[in-house]
Amino acid sequence: MITVFGEGRGFRVVWLLEEMGLPYRLRPVDLLAGVENDPEFLAINPGGFIPALVDGETVMVESIAIMEYLLARYGHNSKSAASLAPAPSAANFGLYQQFLHLGEAGLGANIQVVVVSGFVAPGSERNNWGARWALDQFNNRLKLVKRQLALTPYLAGDEFTAADISVTYTLNLAIRRGGIVLDKTEKAYMARTTARDSYKRALNACPATKGFYASVPG
């Protein structure tokens, strides 16, 4: 049984597992209570950040790496995997790879600085140069999303892929905690991705994420 430790970016992993129809269990990790009080989790990831994945003898962290692992390892058993992860020979493979990683490396990493500065840092340290810089970097990279969505309904083309899972998660965070306001095209895109049954199942499987989204509407 695949075990996913923690929600947060672990929501991406749960959503992908739902898309692929793979059995899993979600093991909560309470970062607010302090991971030092969770020795089982620290034995999995001594860095103390989420998510983590345990699949037999395989232990992984980093949500995008986990997604690529699941698609590569179990894609042949999933009817949806071919569309979720285009083959390297596919014309849209480059777009898929770009936006799969942009969702975290370009967008997620920057908006996290904004969120932590705005909601976790002491009041005197919230409006800091680093947070303003990170917000600028996020908005610059969001231009790539805007340009692509002006051309195609999904980020790798006409079909939903794992790249959309990656970016949708970050946009959900950005509009709720990062002060980002989406335009009409981006809102329509989010409506498409979050209308999927797999998204709804993932949200029901992740009570902390569902509660957060309900308490801070996007």
N, C-alpha and C. Protein backbone atom coordinates (compact mmCIF):
# COMPACT_ATOMS: atom_id res chain seq x y z
N MET A 1 0.84 -1.20 0.00
CA MET A 1 0.00 0.00 0.00
C MET A 1 0.87 1.25 0.00
N ILE A 2 0.61 2.15 -0.91
CA ILE A 2 1.30 3.43 -0.96
C ILE A 2 0.82 4.29 0.19
N THR A 3 1.77 4.89 0.92
CA THR A 3 1.41 5.80 2.00
C THR A 3 1.93 7.19 1.69
N VAL A 4 1.03 8.16 1.79
CA VAL A 4 1.38 9.57 1.61
C VAL A 4 1.39 10.21 2.99
N PHE A 5 2.50 10.81 3.35
CA PHE A 5 2.62 11.50 4.63
C PHE A 5 2.39 12.99 4.42
N GLY A 6 1.33 13.51 5.01
CA GLY A 6 1.10 14.94 5.02
C GLY A 6 0.29 15.46 3.86
N GLU A 7 -0.49 16.50 4.13
CA GLU A 7 -1.26 17.18 3.09
C GLU A 7 -0.39 18.31 2.51
N GLY A 8 -0.86 19.55 2.52
CA GLY A 8 -0.06 20.59 1.89
C GLY A 8 0.20 20.21 0.44
N ARG A 9 1.46 20.22 0.04
CA ARG A 9 1.80 19.82 -1.32
C ARG A 9 1.51 18.34 -1.55
N GLY A 10 1.29 17.59 -0.49
CA GLY A 10 0.86 16.20 -0.62
C GLY A 10 -0.49 16.07 -1.31
N PHE A 11 -1.25 17.17 -1.34
CA PHE A 11 -2.53 17.14 -2.06
C PHE A 11 -2.31 16.82 -3.52
N ARG A 12 -1.22 17.34 -4.09
CA ARG A 12 -0.90 17.01 -5.48
C ARG A 12 -0.78 15.50 -5.66
N VAL A 13 -0.11 14.85 -4.74
CA VAL A 13 0.13 13.41 -4.84
C VAL A 13 -1.18 12.65 -4.71
N VAL A 14 -2.00 13.04 -3.73
CA VAL A 14 -3.29 12.37 -3.54
C VAL A 14 -4.16 12.55 -4.77
N TRP A 15 -4.19 13.74 -5.32
CA TRP A 15 -4.99 13.99 -6.53
C TRP A 15 -4.51 13.10 -7.68
N LEU A 16 -3.21 13.00 -7.86
CA LEU A 16 -2.69 12.14 -8.93
C LEU A 16 -3.06 10.68 -8.68
N LEU A 17 -2.95 10.22 -7.45
CA LEU A 17 -3.32 8.85 -7.13
C LEU A 17 -4.79 8.58 -7.44
N GLU A 18 -5.62 9.56 -7.18
CA GLU A 18 -7.04 9.43 -7.51
C GLU A 18 -7.23 9.38 -9.02
N GLU A 19 -6.51 10.20 -9.75
CA GLU A 19 -6.59 10.18 -11.22
C GLU A 19 -6.18 8.81 -11.77
N MET A 20 -5.14 8.22 -11.16
CA MET A 20 -4.60 6.96 -11.65
C MET A 20 -5.36 5.75 -11.12
N GLY A 21 -6.21 5.95 -10.12
CA GLY A 21 -6.98 4.85 -9.56
C GLY A 21 -6.13 3.91 -8.73
N LEU A 22 -5.07 4.43 -8.10
CA LEU A 22 -4.19 3.59 -7.29
C LEU A 22 -4.60 3.64 -5.83
N PRO A 23 -4.57 2.51 -5.14
CA PRO A 23 -4.90 2.52 -3.70
C PRO A 23 -3.78 3.18 -2.90
N TYR A 24 -4.17 3.87 -1.85
CA TYR A 24 -3.19 4.56 -1.00
C TYR A 24 -3.83 4.82 0.35
N ARG A 25 -2.99 5.22 1.28
CA ARG A 25 -3.51 5.76 2.54
C ARG A 25 -2.80 7.07 2.82
N LEU A 26 -3.53 8.00 3.43
CA LEU A 26 -2.96 9.28 3.79
C LEU A 26 -2.69 9.28 5.29
N ARG A 27 -1.46 9.53 5.64
CA ARG A 27 -1.07 9.59 7.05
C ARG A 27 -0.83 11.06 7.40
N PRO A 28 -1.69 11.64 8.25
CA PRO A 28 -1.57 13.07 8.56
C PRO A 28 -0.23 13.39 9.25
N VAL A 29 0.26 14.57 8.99
CA VAL A 29 1.43 15.11 9.67
C VAL A 29 1.06 16.52 10.13
N ASP A 30 1.14 16.77 11.43
CA ASP A 30 0.74 18.04 12.00
C ASP A 30 1.98 18.92 12.20
N LEU A 31 2.25 19.76 11.22
CA LEU A 31 3.43 20.62 11.32
C LEU A 31 3.27 21.66 12.43
N LEU A 32 2.04 22.09 12.68
CA LEU A 32 1.82 23.10 13.71
C LEU A 32 2.12 22.55 15.10
N ALA A 33 1.87 21.25 15.28
CA ALA A 33 2.18 20.63 16.58
C ALA A 33 3.67 20.38 16.75
N GLY A 34 4.40 20.44 15.62
CA GLY A 34 5.85 20.25 15.68
C GLY A 34 6.25 18.85 15.29
N VAL A 35 7.03 18.72 14.22
CA VAL A 35 7.43 17.40 13.77
C VAL A 35 8.36 16.72 14.75
N GLU A 36 8.96 17.49 15.66
CA GLU A 36 9.80 16.86 16.68
C GLU A 36 9.00 15.92 17.58
N ASN A 37 7.67 16.07 17.55
CA ASN A 37 6.79 15.20 18.32
C ASN A 37 6.26 14.03 17.49
N ASP A 38 6.80 13.85 16.30
CA ASP A 38 6.34 12.81 15.39
C ASP A 38 7.54 11.99 14.92
N PRO A 39 8.07 11.14 15.79
CA PRO A 39 9.28 10.39 15.43
C PRO A 39 9.09 9.44 14.25
N GLU A 40 7.88 8.93 14.05
CA GLU A 40 7.64 8.05 12.91
C GLU A 40 7.86 8.80 11.61
N PHE A 41 7.35 10.03 11.55
CA PHE A 41 7.53 10.82 10.34
C PHE A 41 8.98 11.23 10.16
N LEU A 42 9.64 11.63 11.23
CA LEU A 42 11.04 12.04 11.13
C LEU A 42 11.94 10.89 10.69
N ALA A 43 11.53 9.67 11.00
CA ALA A 43 12.30 8.52 10.52
C ALA A 43 12.17 8.38 9.01
N ILE A 44 11.03 8.84 8.47
CA ILE A 44 10.81 8.82 7.02
C ILE A 44 11.54 9.98 6.36
N ASN A 45 11.37 11.18 6.92
CA ASN A 45 12.00 12.38 6.37
C ASN A 45 12.60 13.21 7.50
N PRO A 46 13.87 13.05 7.78
CA PRO A 46 14.49 13.80 8.87
C PRO A 46 14.50 15.30 8.63
N GLY A 47 14.24 15.73 7.39
CA GLY A 47 14.11 17.15 7.11
C GLY A 47 12.85 17.75 7.69
N GLY A 48 11.86 16.91 7.96
CA GLY A 48 10.65 17.36 8.64
C GLY A 48 9.67 18.13 7.79
N PHE A 49 9.77 18.05 6.45
CA PHE A 49 8.82 18.75 5.60
C PHE A 49 7.95 17.74 4.86
N ILE A 50 6.81 18.21 4.39
CA ILE A 50 5.86 17.35 3.70
C ILE A 50 5.75 17.79 2.24
N PRO A 51 5.33 16.81 1.38
CA PRO A 51 4.93 15.44 1.69
C PRO A 51 6.11 14.48 1.65
N ALA A 52 5.81 13.27 2.06
CA ALA A 52 6.71 12.15 1.85
C ALA A 52 5.88 10.98 1.36
N LEU A 53 6.51 10.06 0.68
CA LEU A 53 5.82 8.89 0.16
C LEU A 53 6.61 7.65 0.49
N VAL A 54 5.91 6.62 0.94
CA VAL A 54 6.52 5.31 1.17
C VAL A 54 5.78 4.31 0.31
N ASP A 55 6.53 3.62 -0.53
CA ASP A 55 5.97 2.61 -1.43
C ASP A 55 6.90 1.41 -1.36
N GLY A 56 6.56 0.47 -0.48
CA GLY A 56 7.46 -0.66 -0.27
C GLY A 56 8.78 -0.18 0.30
N GLU A 57 9.87 -0.47 -0.40
CA GLU A 57 11.19 -0.04 0.04
C GLU A 57 11.55 1.36 -0.44
N THR A 58 10.69 1.94 -1.26
CA THR A 58 10.96 3.27 -1.81
C THR A 58 10.43 4.35 -0.87
N VAL A 59 11.29 5.29 -0.53
CA VAL A 59 10.92 6.44 0.29
C VAL A 59 11.31 7.69 -0.49
N MET A 60 10.37 8.60 -0.67
CA MET A 60 10.61 9.81 -1.45
C MET A 60 10.01 11.02 -0.77
N VAL A 61 10.62 12.19 -1.06
CA VAL A 61 10.03 13.47 -0.71
C VAL A 61 10.04 14.33 -1.98
N GLU A 62 9.46 15.51 -1.89
CA GLU A 62 9.30 16.44 -3.02
C GLU A 62 8.13 16.00 -3.91
N SER A 63 7.10 16.83 -3.92
CA SER A 63 5.85 16.42 -4.56
C SER A 63 5.97 16.15 -6.05
N ILE A 64 6.74 16.96 -6.77
CA ILE A 64 6.82 16.75 -8.21
C ILE A 64 7.61 15.49 -8.53
N ALA A 65 8.68 15.24 -7.79
CA ALA A 65 9.44 14.00 -7.97
C ALA A 65 8.57 12.79 -7.69
N ILE A 66 7.75 12.89 -6.67
CA ILE A 66 6.85 11.78 -6.33
C ILE A 66 5.86 11.55 -7.48
N MET A 67 5.32 12.62 -8.03
CA MET A 67 4.39 12.49 -9.14
C MET A 67 5.05 11.80 -10.33
N GLU A 68 6.26 12.21 -10.66
CA GLU A 68 6.96 11.58 -11.79
C GLU A 68 7.23 10.11 -11.50
N TYR A 69 7.58 9.81 -10.27
CA TYR A 69 7.81 8.41 -9.88
C TYR A 69 6.55 7.56 -10.07
N LEU A 70 5.43 8.05 -9.58
CA LEU A 70 4.18 7.28 -9.67
C LEU A 70 3.78 7.06 -11.13
N LEU A 71 3.92 8.09 -11.94
CA LEU A 71 3.54 7.96 -13.34
C LEU A 71 4.46 6.99 -14.08
N ALA A 72 5.75 7.05 -13.76
CA ALA A 72 6.70 6.16 -14.43
C ALA A 72 6.55 4.72 -13.96
N ARG A 73 6.31 4.54 -12.67
CA ARG A 73 6.29 3.20 -12.11
C ARG A 73 4.97 2.48 -12.33
N TYR A 74 3.88 3.22 -12.27
CA TYR A 74 2.56 2.59 -12.32
C TYR A 74 1.73 3.01 -13.53
N GLY A 75 2.29 3.83 -14.37
CA GLY A 75 1.53 4.32 -15.51
C GLY A 75 1.04 3.24 -16.43
N HIS A 76 1.80 2.15 -16.55
CA HIS A 76 1.40 1.08 -17.46
C HIS A 76 0.16 0.35 -16.96
N ASN A 77 -0.16 0.51 -15.66
CA ASN A 77 -1.34 -0.13 -15.09
C ASN A 77 -2.54 0.81 -15.03
N SER A 78 -2.36 2.02 -15.51
CA SER A 78 -3.42 3.03 -15.42
C SER A 78 -3.86 3.44 -16.81
N LYS A 79 -5.16 3.36 -17.06
CA LYS A 79 -5.69 3.75 -18.36
C LYS A 79 -5.50 5.25 -18.62
N SER A 80 -5.45 6.04 -17.53
CA SER A 80 -5.37 7.49 -17.70
C SER A 80 -3.94 8.00 -17.80
N ALA A 81 -2.94 7.17 -17.50
CA ALA A 81 -1.57 7.65 -17.40
C ALA A 81 -1.05 8.20 -18.72
N ALA A 82 -1.47 7.65 -19.84
CA ALA A 82 -0.98 8.11 -21.14
C ALA A 82 -1.33 9.57 -21.36
N SER A 83 -2.51 9.98 -20.93
CA SER A 83 -2.89 11.38 -21.09
C SER A 83 -2.35 12.24 -19.96
N LEU A 84 -2.17 11.66 -18.78
CA LEU A 84 -1.64 12.43 -17.65
C LEU A 84 -0.18 12.80 -17.84
N ALA A 85 0.57 11.96 -18.51
CA ALA A 85 2.00 12.19 -18.74
C ALA A 85 2.32 11.84 -20.18
N PRO A 86 2.32 12.81 -21.08
CA PRO A 86 2.64 12.53 -22.48
C PRO A 86 3.99 11.86 -22.64
N ALA A 87 4.10 11.00 -23.60
CA ALA A 87 5.37 10.32 -23.87
C ALA A 87 6.40 11.31 -24.39
N PRO A 88 7.70 11.00 -24.18
CA PRO A 88 8.75 11.89 -24.68
C PRO A 88 8.65 12.17 -26.17
N SER A 89 8.07 11.25 -26.91
CA SER A 89 7.93 11.45 -28.36
C SER A 89 6.74 12.32 -28.73
N ALA A 90 5.88 12.62 -27.76
CA ALA A 90 4.68 13.41 -28.05
C ALA A 90 5.04 14.87 -28.31
N ALA A 91 4.27 15.50 -29.14
CA ALA A 91 4.55 16.90 -29.51
C ALA A 91 4.45 17.84 -28.32
N ASN A 92 3.60 17.50 -27.35
CA ASN A 92 3.39 18.38 -26.20
C ASN A 92 4.22 17.99 -24.98
N PHE A 93 5.19 17.10 -25.15
CA PHE A 93 5.99 16.65 -24.01
C PHE A 93 6.76 17.81 -23.37
N GLY A 94 7.30 18.70 -24.19
CA GLY A 94 8.04 19.84 -23.64
C GLY A 94 7.16 20.76 -22.81
N LEU A 95 5.96 21.05 -23.31
CA LEU A 95 5.02 21.87 -22.55
C LEU A 95 4.67 21.19 -21.23
N TYR A 96 4.41 19.91 -21.31
CA TYR A 96 4.06 19.15 -20.10
C TYR A 96 5.17 19.25 -19.06
N GLN A 97 6.40 18.98 -19.46
CA GLN A 97 7.52 19.03 -18.53
C GLN A 97 7.69 20.43 -17.95
N GLN A 98 7.59 21.43 -18.81
CA GLN A 98 7.78 22.80 -18.33
C GLN A 98 6.79 23.16 -17.24
N PHE A 99 5.51 22.90 -17.46
CA PHE A 99 4.50 23.34 -16.50
C PHE A 99 4.39 22.41 -15.30
N LEU A 100 4.72 21.13 -15.47
CA LEU A 100 4.79 20.25 -14.31
C LEU A 100 5.76 20.82 -13.28
N HIS A 101 6.92 21.25 -13.74
CA HIS A 101 7.94 21.76 -12.82
C HIS A 101 7.74 23.23 -12.47
N LEU A 102 7.17 24.00 -13.40
CA LEU A 102 6.90 25.40 -13.09
C LEU A 102 5.94 25.54 -11.92
N GLY A 103 5.02 24.60 -11.80
CA GLY A 103 4.04 24.65 -10.73
C GLY A 103 4.68 24.71 -9.35
N GLU A 104 5.85 24.12 -9.20
CA GLU A 104 6.55 24.17 -7.91
C GLU A 104 7.78 25.07 -7.98
N ALA A 105 8.70 24.77 -8.91
CA ALA A 105 9.98 25.48 -8.92
C ALA A 105 9.81 26.96 -9.22
N GLY A 106 8.92 27.32 -10.13
CA GLY A 106 8.75 28.72 -10.50
C GLY A 106 7.67 29.42 -9.71
N LEU A 107 6.54 28.74 -9.49
CA LEU A 107 5.39 29.35 -8.83
C LEU A 107 5.32 29.02 -7.35
N GLY A 108 5.34 27.74 -7.02
CA GLY A 108 5.14 27.33 -5.64
C GLY A 108 6.22 27.82 -4.68
N ALA A 109 7.47 27.71 -5.07
CA ALA A 109 8.56 28.11 -4.20
C ALA A 109 8.50 29.60 -3.90
N ASN A 110 8.12 30.40 -4.89
CA ASN A 110 8.06 31.84 -4.67
C ASN A 110 6.85 32.25 -3.85
N ILE A 111 5.69 31.69 -4.14
CA ILE A 111 4.51 32.11 -3.38
C ILE A 111 4.59 31.63 -1.94
N GLN A 112 5.34 30.56 -1.69
CA GLN A 112 5.51 30.10 -0.31
C GLN A 112 6.21 31.16 0.54
N VAL A 113 7.18 31.85 -0.04
CA VAL A 113 7.86 32.93 0.68
C VAL A 113 6.87 34.05 1.02
N VAL A 114 6.01 34.37 0.07
CA VAL A 114 5.00 35.40 0.29
C VAL A 114 4.04 34.98 1.40
N VAL A 115 3.60 33.73 1.36
CA VAL A 115 2.64 33.24 2.35
C VAL A 115 3.26 33.21 3.74
N VAL A 116 4.45 32.67 3.86
CA VAL A 116 5.10 32.58 5.17
C VAL A 116 5.37 33.98 5.73
N SER A 117 5.81 34.88 4.87
CA SER A 117 6.09 36.24 5.32
C SER A 117 4.80 36.93 5.78
N GLY A 118 3.72 36.70 5.07
CA GLY A 118 2.48 37.39 5.36
C GLY A 118 1.69 36.83 6.51
N PHE A 119 1.85 35.52 6.80
CA PHE A 119 0.98 34.89 7.79
C PHE A 119 1.72 34.20 8.93
N VAL A 120 3.02 34.04 8.83
CA VAL A 120 3.77 33.34 9.87
C VAL A 120 4.82 34.23 10.52
N ALA A 121 5.46 35.08 9.74
CA ALA A 121 6.53 35.92 10.26
C ALA A 121 6.00 36.91 11.30
N PRO A 122 6.85 37.35 12.23
CA PRO A 122 6.45 38.43 13.15
C PRO A 122 6.01 39.66 12.37
N GLY A 123 5.11 40.41 12.95
CA GLY A 123 4.52 41.55 12.25
C GLY A 123 5.53 42.51 11.66
N SER A 124 6.60 42.77 12.40
CA SER A 124 7.60 43.73 11.93
C SER A 124 8.42 43.23 10.76
N GLU A 125 8.32 41.92 10.46
CA GLU A 125 9.14 41.33 9.41
C GLU A 125 8.33 40.88 8.20
N ARG A 126 7.06 41.22 8.17
CA ARG A 126 6.20 40.69 7.11
C ARG A 126 6.40 41.38 5.77
N ASN A 127 6.44 42.67 5.76
CA ASN A 127 6.63 43.40 4.49
C ASN A 127 8.12 43.56 4.26
N ASN A 128 8.76 42.48 3.85
CA ASN A 128 10.21 42.50 3.70
C ASN A 128 10.60 42.42 2.22
N TRP A 129 11.86 42.78 1.96
CA TRP A 129 12.35 42.82 0.59
C TRP A 129 12.25 41.45 -0.08
N GLY A 130 12.60 40.40 0.66
CA GLY A 130 12.57 39.06 0.10
C GLY A 130 11.18 38.64 -0.34
N ALA A 131 10.18 38.97 0.46
CA ALA A 131 8.80 38.62 0.11
C ALA A 131 8.34 39.39 -1.12
N ARG A 132 8.71 40.67 -1.19
CA ARG A 132 8.33 41.47 -2.36
C ARG A 132 9.02 40.94 -3.62
N TRP A 133 10.27 40.55 -3.48
CA TRP A 133 10.99 39.98 -4.62
C TRP A 133 10.34 38.68 -5.07
N ALA A 134 9.99 37.83 -4.10
CA ALA A 134 9.37 36.54 -4.44
C ALA A 134 8.04 36.75 -5.14
N LEU A 135 7.28 37.74 -4.71
CA LEU A 135 6.00 38.03 -5.36
C LEU A 135 6.22 38.47 -6.80
N ASP A 136 7.22 39.29 -7.04
CA ASP A 136 7.54 39.70 -8.40
C ASP A 136 7.92 38.49 -9.26
N GLN A 137 8.72 37.58 -8.68
CA GLN A 137 9.13 36.39 -9.42
C GLN A 137 7.93 35.51 -9.75
N PHE A 138 7.01 35.38 -8.80
CA PHE A 138 5.80 34.60 -9.04
C PHE A 138 5.02 35.20 -10.21
N ASN A 139 4.80 36.51 -10.15
CA ASN A 139 4.01 37.16 -11.20
C ASN A 139 4.69 37.08 -12.56
N ASN A 140 6.01 37.14 -12.59
CA ASN A 140 6.72 36.99 -13.86
C ASN A 140 6.51 35.60 -14.45
N ARG A 141 6.56 34.59 -13.61
CA ARG A 141 6.39 33.22 -14.08
C ARG A 141 4.94 32.90 -14.41
N LEU A 142 4.04 33.59 -13.75
CA LEU A 142 2.62 33.40 -14.06
C LEU A 142 2.31 33.85 -15.49
N LYS A 143 3.13 34.72 -16.04
CA LYS A 143 2.93 35.16 -17.43
C LYS A 143 3.00 33.98 -18.40
N LEU A 144 3.81 32.97 -18.06
CA LEU A 144 3.88 31.78 -18.91
C LEU A 144 2.57 31.02 -18.90
N VAL A 145 1.95 30.94 -17.72
CA VAL A 145 0.64 30.30 -17.60
C VAL A 145 -0.40 31.08 -18.39
N LYS A 146 -0.39 32.41 -18.24
CA LYS A 146 -1.35 33.25 -18.94
C LYS A 146 -1.23 33.07 -20.46
N ARG A 147 0.01 33.07 -20.95
CA ARG A 147 0.21 32.93 -22.39
C ARG A 147 -0.29 31.59 -22.90
N GLN A 148 -0.02 30.52 -22.16
CA GLN A 148 -0.45 29.21 -22.64
C GLN A 148 -1.96 29.05 -22.59
N LEU A 149 -2.58 29.56 -21.54
CA LEU A 149 -4.03 29.42 -21.43
C LEU A 149 -4.78 30.27 -22.45
N ALA A 150 -4.10 31.23 -23.03
CA ALA A 150 -4.70 31.98 -24.13
C ALA A 150 -4.73 31.16 -25.41
N LEU A 151 -3.96 30.06 -25.42
CA LEU A 151 -3.85 29.22 -26.62
C LEU A 151 -4.58 27.89 -26.49
N THR A 152 -4.53 27.30 -25.30
CA THR A 152 -5.10 25.96 -25.10
C THR A 152 -5.83 25.90 -23.77
N PRO A 153 -6.81 24.98 -23.63
CA PRO A 153 -7.58 24.92 -22.39
C PRO A 153 -6.79 24.39 -21.20
N TYR A 154 -5.74 23.61 -21.47
CA TYR A 154 -4.90 23.08 -20.40
C TYR A 154 -3.44 23.42 -20.70
N LEU A 155 -2.59 23.25 -19.75
CA LEU A 155 -1.24 23.78 -19.88
C LEU A 155 -0.36 23.01 -20.85
N ALA A 156 -0.67 21.76 -21.10
CA ALA A 156 0.10 21.00 -22.08
C ALA A 156 -0.67 20.81 -23.38
N GLY A 157 -1.78 21.52 -23.53
CA GLY A 157 -2.55 21.40 -24.75
C GLY A 157 -4.03 21.26 -24.50
N ASP A 158 -4.65 20.38 -25.28
CA ASP A 158 -6.11 20.22 -25.22
C ASP A 158 -6.58 19.28 -24.13
N GLU A 159 -5.67 18.51 -23.54
CA GLU A 159 -6.05 17.51 -22.56
C GLU A 159 -5.43 17.82 -21.20
N PHE A 160 -6.14 17.46 -20.15
CA PHE A 160 -5.66 17.58 -18.78
C PHE A 160 -4.47 16.65 -18.56
N THR A 161 -3.43 17.15 -17.90
CA THR A 161 -2.26 16.33 -17.56
C THR A 161 -1.87 16.58 -16.11
N ALA A 162 -0.86 15.84 -15.66
CA ALA A 162 -0.34 16.04 -14.31
C ALA A 162 0.22 17.45 -14.11
N ALA A 163 0.61 18.11 -15.20
CA ALA A 163 1.08 19.49 -15.09
C ALA A 163 -0.02 20.39 -14.54
N ASP A 164 -1.27 20.09 -14.86
CA ASP A 164 -2.38 20.88 -14.36
C ASP A 164 -2.61 20.65 -12.87
N ILE A 165 -2.32 19.44 -12.40
CA ILE A 165 -2.37 19.18 -10.96
C ILE A 165 -1.34 20.05 -10.26
N SER A 166 -0.15 20.07 -10.80
CA SER A 166 0.94 20.84 -10.21
C SER A 166 0.60 22.31 -10.09
N VAL A 167 0.13 22.91 -11.17
CA VAL A 167 -0.12 24.34 -11.20
C VAL A 167 -1.41 24.70 -10.45
N THR A 168 -2.45 23.88 -10.57
CA THR A 168 -3.70 24.18 -9.88
C THR A 168 -3.50 24.24 -8.38
N TYR A 169 -2.72 23.32 -7.82
CA TYR A 169 -2.46 23.35 -6.38
C TYR A 169 -1.86 24.70 -5.99
N THR A 170 -0.86 25.16 -6.73
CA THR A 170 -0.19 26.40 -6.38
C THR A 170 -1.10 27.61 -6.55
N LEU A 171 -1.91 27.62 -7.59
CA LEU A 171 -2.83 28.74 -7.78
C LEU A 171 -3.88 28.78 -6.68
N ASN A 172 -4.31 27.63 -6.20
CA ASN A 172 -5.23 27.59 -5.08
C ASN A 172 -4.62 28.26 -3.85
N LEU A 173 -3.36 27.99 -3.60
CA LEU A 173 -2.67 28.61 -2.48
C LEU A 173 -2.48 30.11 -2.72
N ALA A 174 -2.10 30.46 -3.94
CA ALA A 174 -1.77 31.85 -4.26
C ALA A 174 -2.98 32.78 -4.12
N ILE A 175 -4.16 32.31 -4.53
CA ILE A 175 -5.33 33.18 -4.46
C ILE A 175 -5.88 33.26 -3.04
N ARG A 176 -5.58 32.26 -2.21
CA ARG A 176 -6.10 32.26 -0.85
C ARG A 176 -5.17 32.92 0.16
N ARG A 177 -3.87 32.82 -0.07
CA ARG A 177 -2.92 33.34 0.90
C ARG A 177 -1.86 34.26 0.29
N GLY A 178 -1.78 34.33 -1.01
CA GLY A 178 -0.74 35.13 -1.63
C GLY A 178 -1.20 36.45 -2.20
N GLY A 179 -2.51 36.71 -2.10
CA GLY A 179 -3.03 37.97 -2.63
C GLY A 179 -3.11 38.03 -4.14
N ILE A 180 -3.03 36.88 -4.80
CA ILE A 180 -3.07 36.84 -6.27
C ILE A 180 -4.52 36.86 -6.75
N VAL A 181 -4.79 37.69 -7.73
CA VAL A 181 -6.12 37.77 -8.34
C VAL A 181 -6.01 37.25 -9.77
N LEU A 182 -6.77 36.22 -10.07
CA LEU A 182 -6.72 35.62 -11.40
C LEU A 182 -7.61 36.37 -12.37
N ASP A 183 -7.23 36.32 -13.64
CA ASP A 183 -8.08 36.93 -14.66
C ASP A 183 -9.17 35.94 -15.09
N LYS A 184 -10.00 36.37 -16.02
CA LYS A 184 -11.15 35.57 -16.44
C LYS A 184 -10.72 34.22 -17.02
N THR A 185 -9.69 34.22 -17.84
CA THR A 185 -9.22 32.98 -18.46
C THR A 185 -8.67 32.01 -17.42
N GLU A 186 -7.92 32.54 -16.46
CA GLU A 186 -7.35 31.70 -15.41
C GLU A 186 -8.43 31.13 -14.50
N LYS A 187 -9.44 31.94 -14.21
CA LYS A 187 -10.55 31.45 -13.38
C LYS A 187 -11.29 30.32 -14.09
N ALA A 188 -11.48 30.46 -15.39
CA ALA A 188 -12.15 29.41 -16.16
C ALA A 188 -11.31 28.14 -16.15
N TYR A 189 -10.01 28.31 -16.26
CA TYR A 189 -9.10 27.16 -16.19
C TYR A 189 -9.24 26.45 -14.84
N MET A 190 -9.22 27.20 -13.76
CA MET A 190 -9.35 26.61 -12.42
C MET A 190 -10.70 25.92 -12.26
N ALA A 191 -11.73 26.48 -12.84
CA ALA A 191 -13.05 25.85 -12.77
C ALA A 191 -13.02 24.50 -13.48
N ARG A 192 -12.30 24.41 -14.60
CA ARG A 192 -12.21 23.14 -15.32
C ARG A 192 -11.44 22.09 -14.51
N THR A 193 -10.30 22.48 -13.98
CA THR A 193 -9.47 21.48 -13.30
C THR A 193 -10.10 21.02 -11.99
N THR A 194 -10.73 21.93 -11.26
CA THR A 194 -11.29 21.57 -9.96
C THR A 194 -12.68 20.94 -10.07
N ALA A 195 -13.22 20.88 -11.27
CA ALA A 195 -14.51 20.21 -11.48
C ALA A 195 -14.34 18.71 -11.66
N ARG A 196 -13.11 18.24 -11.79
CA ARG A 196 -12.87 16.82 -12.03
C ARG A 196 -13.26 15.99 -10.81
N ASP A 197 -13.82 14.82 -11.07
CA ASP A 197 -14.21 13.94 -9.97
C ASP A 197 -13.01 13.55 -9.11
N SER A 198 -11.87 13.36 -9.75
CA SER A 198 -10.67 12.98 -9.00
C SER A 198 -10.24 14.08 -8.04
N TYR A 199 -10.40 15.33 -8.44
CA TYR A 199 -10.10 16.45 -7.55
C TYR A 199 -11.03 16.42 -6.34
N LYS A 200 -12.30 16.21 -6.59
CA LYS A 200 -13.28 16.18 -5.50
C LYS A 200 -13.01 15.03 -4.54
N ARG A 201 -12.62 13.87 -5.08
CA ARG A 201 -12.28 12.75 -4.21
C ARG A 201 -11.03 13.06 -3.39
N ALA A 202 -10.05 13.67 -4.03
CA ALA A 202 -8.83 14.03 -3.31
C ALA A 202 -9.13 15.03 -2.19
N LEU A 203 -9.99 15.98 -2.46
CA LEU A 203 -10.34 16.97 -1.45
C LEU A 203 -11.05 16.31 -0.27
N ASN A 204 -11.92 15.36 -0.56
CA ASN A 204 -12.60 14.64 0.53
C ASN A 204 -11.64 13.77 1.33
N ALA A 205 -10.57 13.32 0.68
CA ALA A 205 -9.57 12.49 1.37
C ALA A 205 -8.61 13.33 2.21
N CYS A 206 -8.59 14.64 1.98
CA CYS A 206 -7.64 15.54 2.65
C CYS A 206 -8.43 16.56 3.47
N PRO A 207 -8.83 16.22 4.69
CA PRO A 207 -9.72 17.10 5.46
C PRO A 207 -9.10 18.45 5.80
N ALA A 208 -7.80 18.50 6.04
CA ALA A 208 -7.18 19.78 6.37
C ALA A 208 -7.22 20.72 5.17
N THR A 209 -6.94 20.18 3.99
CA THR A 209 -6.97 20.99 2.78
C THR A 209 -8.39 21.44 2.48
N LYS A 210 -9.33 20.53 2.60
CA LYS A 210 -10.72 20.88 2.35
C LYS A 210 -11.20 21.96 3.32
N GLY A 211 -10.82 21.84 4.58
CA GLY A 211 -11.21 22.84 5.56
C GLY A 211 -10.59 24.19 5.28
N PHE A 212 -9.33 24.18 4.86
CA PHE A 212 -8.65 25.43 4.51
C PHE A 212 -9.32 26.11 3.33
N TYR A 213 -9.61 25.37 2.29
CA TYR A 213 -10.25 25.94 1.11
C TYR A 213 -11.64 26.48 1.46
N ALA A 214 -12.35 25.79 2.33
CA ALA A 214 -13.70 26.23 2.72
C ALA A 214 -13.64 27.50 3.57
N SER A 215 -12.63 27.60 4.42
CA SER A 215 -12.54 28.74 5.33
C SER A 215 -11.98 29.99 4.66
N VAL A 216 -11.21 29.79 3.59
CA VAL A 216 -10.62 30.92 2.86
C VAL A 216 -11.00 30.76 1.39
N PRO A 217 -12.18 31.15 1.00
CA PRO A 217 -12.63 30.95 -0.39
C PRO A 217 -11.69 31.66 -1.37
N GLY A 218 -11.53 31.02 -2.53
CA GLY A 218 -10.69 31.61 -3.56
C GLY A 218 -11.45 32.53 -4.48
